[in-house]
């Protein structure tokens, strides 16, 4: 039941961002980049492992440094959308760059 509630809360936030983004694209983007997902994960981790500061520190360090590959993803997507490339091309290129950044992220944070 606890997993269902977590999924429902997460899904509600995602749907809300998508609906807001349809009417107000930049506001939807701002809300989507808020640390809502990370906040939820912090709450879920803490509720399952209260007092485990090592876990919380490791997670927040990963999120902090994970911002860099995410920024690269959106820079590539933005540039390719400005060139009016098809969505599959934009997503493939953006995820490719993100994946490379994520590999570097994991290599240095081990």
N, C-alpha and C. Protein backbone atom coordinates (compact mmCIF):
# COMPACT_ATOMS: atom_id res chain seq x y z
N UNK A 1 0.82 -1.20 0.00
CA UNK A 1 0.00 0.00 0.00
C UNK A 1 0.86 1.26 0.00
N UNK A 2 1.96 1.22 0.76
CA UNK A 2 2.84 2.38 0.84
C UNK A 2 3.44 2.71 -0.53
N UNK A 3 3.82 1.69 -1.30
CA UNK A 3 4.36 1.91 -2.63
C UNK A 3 3.31 2.52 -3.55
N UNK A 4 2.06 2.08 -3.43
CA UNK A 4 0.97 2.63 -4.23
C UNK A 4 0.77 4.12 -3.94
N UNK A 5 0.80 4.50 -2.68
CA UNK A 5 0.65 5.91 -2.30
C UNK A 5 1.80 6.73 -2.87
N UNK A 6 3.02 6.21 -2.77
CA UNK A 6 4.18 6.91 -3.32
C UNK A 6 4.03 7.11 -4.83
N UNK A 7 3.62 6.05 -5.52
CA UNK A 7 3.44 6.14 -6.98
C UNK A 7 2.34 7.13 -7.32
N UNK A 8 1.26 7.14 -6.57
CA UNK A 8 0.14 8.05 -6.83
C UNK A 8 0.57 9.51 -6.64
N UNK A 9 1.30 9.79 -5.59
CA UNK A 9 1.79 11.16 -5.35
C UNK A 9 2.73 11.58 -6.47
N UNK A 10 3.65 10.71 -6.84
CA UNK A 10 4.61 11.02 -7.91
C UNK A 10 3.90 11.26 -9.23
N UNK A 11 2.95 10.40 -9.57
CA UNK A 11 2.20 10.52 -10.80
C UNK A 11 1.39 11.82 -10.83
N UNK A 12 0.82 12.19 -9.72
CA UNK A 12 0.04 13.43 -9.63
C UNK A 12 0.92 14.63 -9.94
N UNK A 13 2.13 14.64 -9.42
CA UNK A 13 3.05 15.76 -9.67
C UNK A 13 3.43 15.80 -11.15
N UNK A 14 3.72 14.66 -11.74
CA UNK A 14 4.10 14.61 -13.16
C UNK A 14 2.96 15.10 -14.04
N UNK A 15 1.76 14.63 -13.78
CA UNK A 15 0.60 15.05 -14.58
C UNK A 15 0.34 16.54 -14.41
N UNK A 16 0.46 17.05 -13.20
CA UNK A 16 0.26 18.48 -12.95
C UNK A 16 1.28 19.30 -13.74
N UNK A 17 2.54 18.88 -13.75
CA UNK A 17 3.57 19.60 -14.51
C UNK A 17 3.25 19.59 -16.00
N UNK A 18 2.81 18.46 -16.51
CA UNK A 18 2.48 18.36 -17.93
C UNK A 18 1.30 19.26 -18.28
N UNK A 19 0.30 19.29 -17.45
CA UNK A 19 -0.90 20.12 -17.73
C UNK A 19 -0.56 21.61 -17.64
N UNK A 20 0.22 21.99 -16.64
CA UNK A 20 0.65 23.38 -16.52
C UNK A 20 1.53 23.75 -17.70
N UNK A 21 2.44 22.84 -18.07
CA UNK A 21 3.35 23.09 -19.19
C UNK A 21 2.64 23.28 -20.51
N UNK A 22 1.50 22.66 -20.68
CA UNK A 22 0.75 22.80 -21.92
C UNK A 22 0.22 24.23 -22.06
N UNK A 23 -0.20 24.81 -20.96
CA UNK A 23 -0.75 26.17 -21.01
C UNK A 23 0.33 27.24 -20.82
N UNK A 24 1.27 26.98 -19.92
CA UNK A 24 2.35 27.93 -19.63
C UNK A 24 3.68 27.17 -19.71
N UNK A 25 4.25 27.04 -20.92
CA UNK A 25 5.43 26.18 -21.10
C UNK A 25 6.61 26.51 -20.18
N UNK A 26 6.95 27.78 -20.03
CA UNK A 26 8.12 28.08 -19.20
C UNK A 26 7.84 27.83 -17.72
N UNK A 27 6.62 28.08 -17.27
CA UNK A 27 6.26 27.77 -15.88
C UNK A 27 6.26 26.26 -15.66
N UNK A 28 5.74 25.52 -16.61
CA UNK A 28 5.77 24.06 -16.51
C UNK A 28 7.20 23.55 -16.42
N UNK A 29 8.08 24.14 -17.22
CA UNK A 29 9.49 23.76 -17.17
C UNK A 29 10.13 24.09 -15.83
N UNK A 30 9.79 25.26 -15.30
CA UNK A 30 10.32 25.65 -14.00
C UNK A 30 9.86 24.69 -12.91
N UNK A 31 8.58 24.36 -12.93
CA UNK A 31 8.05 23.44 -11.92
C UNK A 31 8.68 22.06 -12.07
N UNK A 32 8.85 21.62 -13.31
CA UNK A 32 9.44 20.30 -13.54
C UNK A 32 10.88 20.22 -13.05
N UNK A 33 11.59 21.34 -13.07
CA UNK A 33 12.98 21.32 -12.62
C UNK A 33 13.12 21.59 -11.13
N UNK A 34 12.00 21.89 -10.49
CA UNK A 34 12.06 22.04 -9.03
C UNK A 34 12.50 20.71 -8.43
N UNK A 35 13.08 20.74 -7.29
CA UNK A 35 13.54 19.48 -6.71
C UNK A 35 12.39 18.65 -6.11
N UNK A 36 11.24 18.64 -6.80
CA UNK A 36 10.10 17.87 -6.30
C UNK A 36 10.41 16.38 -6.24
N UNK A 37 10.96 15.86 -7.33
CA UNK A 37 11.27 14.44 -7.36
C UNK A 37 12.30 14.10 -6.30
N UNK A 38 13.34 14.91 -6.22
CA UNK A 38 14.37 14.67 -5.21
C UNK A 38 13.81 14.80 -3.80
N UNK A 39 12.91 15.76 -3.60
CA UNK A 39 12.28 15.91 -2.30
C UNK A 39 11.50 14.64 -1.95
N UNK A 40 10.73 14.13 -2.91
CA UNK A 40 9.98 12.90 -2.66
C UNK A 40 10.91 11.74 -2.33
N UNK A 41 11.99 11.62 -3.09
CA UNK A 41 12.93 10.53 -2.83
C UNK A 41 13.57 10.68 -1.45
N UNK A 42 13.94 11.91 -1.09
CA UNK A 42 14.48 12.13 0.25
C UNK A 42 13.48 11.70 1.32
N UNK A 43 12.22 12.06 1.13
CA UNK A 43 11.19 11.66 2.09
C UNK A 43 11.01 10.15 2.13
N UNK A 44 11.00 9.51 0.95
CA UNK A 44 10.82 8.05 0.90
C UNK A 44 12.03 7.36 1.55
N UNK A 45 13.25 7.82 1.21
CA UNK A 45 14.44 7.21 1.81
C UNK A 45 14.45 7.37 3.32
N UNK A 46 14.13 8.58 3.79
CA UNK A 46 14.14 8.84 5.22
C UNK A 46 13.08 8.01 5.94
N UNK A 47 11.91 7.87 5.32
CA UNK A 47 10.84 7.10 5.97
C UNK A 47 11.20 5.62 6.06
N UNK A 48 12.00 5.14 5.11
CA UNK A 48 12.39 3.73 5.11
C UNK A 48 13.67 3.47 5.90
N UNK A 49 14.51 4.52 6.03
CA UNK A 49 15.79 4.37 6.76
C UNK A 49 16.04 5.60 7.62
N UNK A 50 15.20 5.84 8.61
CA UNK A 50 15.38 7.05 9.43
C UNK A 50 16.73 7.05 10.15
N UNK A 51 17.37 8.21 10.10
CA UNK A 51 18.65 8.35 10.78
C UNK A 51 19.86 7.87 9.98
N UNK A 52 19.65 7.37 8.77
CA UNK A 52 20.77 6.90 7.95
C UNK A 52 21.33 8.08 7.16
N UNK A 53 22.15 8.86 7.83
CA UNK A 53 22.71 10.06 7.21
C UNK A 53 23.68 9.73 6.10
N UNK A 54 24.33 8.60 6.17
CA UNK A 54 25.24 8.20 5.09
C UNK A 54 24.47 7.99 3.79
N UNK A 55 23.33 7.34 3.89
CA UNK A 55 22.47 7.14 2.72
C UNK A 55 22.00 8.48 2.17
N UNK A 56 21.56 9.36 3.05
CA UNK A 56 21.05 10.67 2.62
C UNK A 56 22.16 11.51 1.99
N UNK A 57 23.34 11.46 2.58
CA UNK A 57 24.48 12.21 2.04
C UNK A 57 24.87 11.69 0.67
N UNK A 58 24.91 10.38 0.52
CA UNK A 58 25.25 9.79 -0.77
C UNK A 58 24.24 10.14 -1.84
N UNK A 59 22.98 10.09 -1.48
CA UNK A 59 21.92 10.43 -2.44
C UNK A 59 22.03 11.90 -2.86
N UNK A 60 22.16 12.81 -1.89
CA UNK A 60 22.22 14.23 -2.24
C UNK A 60 23.48 14.56 -3.03
N UNK A 61 24.58 13.88 -2.75
CA UNK A 61 25.81 14.10 -3.54
C UNK A 61 25.57 13.66 -4.98
N UNK A 62 24.92 12.51 -5.16
CA UNK A 62 24.61 12.04 -6.50
C UNK A 62 23.70 12.99 -7.26
N UNK A 63 22.71 13.54 -6.55
CA UNK A 63 21.80 14.51 -7.19
C UNK A 63 22.56 15.77 -7.56
N UNK A 64 23.37 16.27 -6.63
CA UNK A 64 24.12 17.50 -6.88
C UNK A 64 24.97 17.37 -8.14
N UNK A 65 25.77 16.33 -8.23
CA UNK A 65 26.63 16.15 -9.39
C UNK A 65 25.86 15.65 -10.61
N UNK A 66 24.69 15.06 -10.39
CA UNK A 66 23.86 14.62 -11.50
C UNK A 66 23.20 15.76 -12.25
N UNK A 67 23.25 16.94 -11.66
CA UNK A 67 22.69 18.12 -12.34
C UNK A 67 23.45 18.39 -13.64
N UNK A 68 24.73 18.13 -13.66
CA UNK A 68 25.55 18.43 -14.85
C UNK A 68 25.08 17.63 -16.06
N UNK A 69 24.95 16.28 -15.99
CA UNK A 69 24.42 15.57 -17.16
C UNK A 69 23.01 16.01 -17.55
N UNK A 70 22.21 16.38 -16.56
CA UNK A 70 20.85 16.84 -16.85
C UNK A 70 20.88 18.17 -17.60
N UNK A 71 21.75 19.06 -17.20
CA UNK A 71 21.90 20.33 -17.92
C UNK A 71 22.33 20.05 -19.36
N UNK A 72 23.27 19.14 -19.54
CA UNK A 72 23.71 18.79 -20.90
C UNK A 72 22.54 18.25 -21.73
N UNK A 73 21.70 17.42 -21.12
CA UNK A 73 20.52 16.88 -21.81
C UNK A 73 19.67 18.02 -22.34
N UNK A 74 19.36 18.99 -21.50
CA UNK A 74 18.47 20.07 -21.90
C UNK A 74 19.13 21.07 -22.85
N UNK A 75 20.42 21.26 -22.75
CA UNK A 75 21.11 22.12 -23.71
C UNK A 75 21.02 21.51 -25.11
N UNK A 76 21.30 20.22 -25.21
CA UNK A 76 21.22 19.54 -26.51
C UNK A 76 19.78 19.58 -27.03
N UNK A 77 18.81 19.27 -26.17
CA UNK A 77 17.40 19.29 -26.59
C UNK A 77 17.00 20.67 -27.08
N UNK A 78 17.38 21.69 -26.35
CA UNK A 78 17.03 23.07 -26.72
C UNK A 78 17.60 23.43 -28.09
N UNK A 79 18.88 23.14 -28.29
CA UNK A 79 19.54 23.46 -29.56
C UNK A 79 18.87 22.71 -30.71
N UNK A 80 18.59 21.44 -30.52
CA UNK A 80 18.00 20.65 -31.60
C UNK A 80 16.54 21.03 -31.86
N UNK A 81 15.79 21.37 -30.82
CA UNK A 81 14.42 21.85 -31.05
C UNK A 81 14.43 23.18 -31.81
N UNK A 82 15.39 24.03 -31.52
CA UNK A 82 15.49 25.30 -32.26
C UNK A 82 15.77 25.05 -33.74
N UNK A 83 16.40 23.93 -34.04
CA UNK A 83 16.66 23.57 -35.44
C UNK A 83 15.51 22.77 -36.05
N UNK A 84 14.44 22.62 -35.29
CA UNK A 84 13.22 21.94 -35.74
C UNK A 84 13.45 20.49 -36.13
N UNK A 85 14.32 19.82 -35.41
CA UNK A 85 14.55 18.40 -35.67
C UNK A 85 13.42 17.58 -35.05
N UNK A 86 13.15 16.41 -35.61
CA UNK A 86 12.06 15.58 -35.08
C UNK A 86 12.33 15.12 -33.64
N UNK A 87 11.25 14.92 -32.90
CA UNK A 87 11.35 14.53 -31.49
C UNK A 87 12.22 13.30 -31.28
N UNK A 88 12.08 12.22 -32.07
CA UNK A 88 12.94 11.06 -31.83
C UNK A 88 14.44 11.39 -31.95
N UNK A 89 14.80 12.26 -32.88
CA UNK A 89 16.21 12.65 -33.04
C UNK A 89 16.66 13.46 -31.82
N UNK A 90 15.82 14.40 -31.40
CA UNK A 90 16.15 15.23 -30.24
C UNK A 90 16.34 14.36 -28.99
N UNK A 91 15.40 13.44 -28.78
CA UNK A 91 15.49 12.59 -27.58
C UNK A 91 16.69 11.65 -27.64
N UNK A 92 16.95 11.08 -28.82
CA UNK A 92 18.10 10.17 -28.95
C UNK A 92 19.41 10.91 -28.67
N UNK A 93 19.56 12.09 -29.27
CA UNK A 93 20.79 12.85 -29.06
C UNK A 93 20.91 13.32 -27.61
N UNK A 94 19.81 13.82 -27.06
CA UNK A 94 19.84 14.33 -25.68
C UNK A 94 20.15 13.22 -24.69
N UNK A 95 19.48 12.08 -24.87
CA UNK A 95 19.74 10.96 -23.95
C UNK A 95 21.15 10.40 -24.15
N UNK A 96 21.64 10.43 -25.39
CA UNK A 96 23.02 9.98 -25.63
C UNK A 96 24.02 10.83 -24.87
N UNK A 97 23.83 12.15 -24.93
CA UNK A 97 24.72 13.06 -24.21
C UNK A 97 24.55 12.87 -22.70
N UNK A 98 23.29 12.72 -22.26
CA UNK A 98 23.05 12.49 -20.83
C UNK A 98 23.71 11.19 -20.38
N UNK A 99 23.58 10.15 -21.18
CA UNK A 99 24.16 8.86 -20.82
C UNK A 99 25.68 8.95 -20.69
N UNK A 100 26.31 9.66 -21.61
CA UNK A 100 27.76 9.85 -21.52
C UNK A 100 28.11 10.62 -20.24
N UNK A 101 27.34 11.68 -19.97
CA UNK A 101 27.57 12.44 -18.74
C UNK A 101 27.31 11.61 -17.50
N UNK A 102 26.30 10.76 -17.55
CA UNK A 102 25.99 9.89 -16.40
C UNK A 102 27.09 8.87 -16.17
N UNK A 103 27.69 8.37 -17.25
CA UNK A 103 28.80 7.42 -17.11
C UNK A 103 29.99 8.10 -16.44
N UNK A 104 30.28 9.33 -16.84
CA UNK A 104 31.36 10.08 -16.19
C UNK A 104 31.01 10.35 -14.73
N UNK A 105 29.76 10.70 -14.49
CA UNK A 105 29.25 10.94 -13.14
C UNK A 105 29.52 9.73 -12.25
N UNK A 106 29.14 8.56 -12.71
CA UNK A 106 29.30 7.34 -11.92
C UNK A 106 30.77 6.96 -11.75
N UNK A 107 31.57 7.22 -12.78
CA UNK A 107 33.00 6.91 -12.70
C UNK A 107 33.67 7.73 -11.59
N UNK A 108 33.35 9.02 -11.53
CA UNK A 108 34.01 9.89 -10.56
C UNK A 108 33.40 9.81 -9.16
N UNK A 109 32.18 9.36 -9.04
CA UNK A 109 31.56 9.29 -7.70
C UNK A 109 31.68 7.93 -7.03
N UNK A 110 32.39 7.02 -7.63
CA UNK A 110 32.57 5.71 -7.00
C UNK A 110 33.47 5.80 -5.80
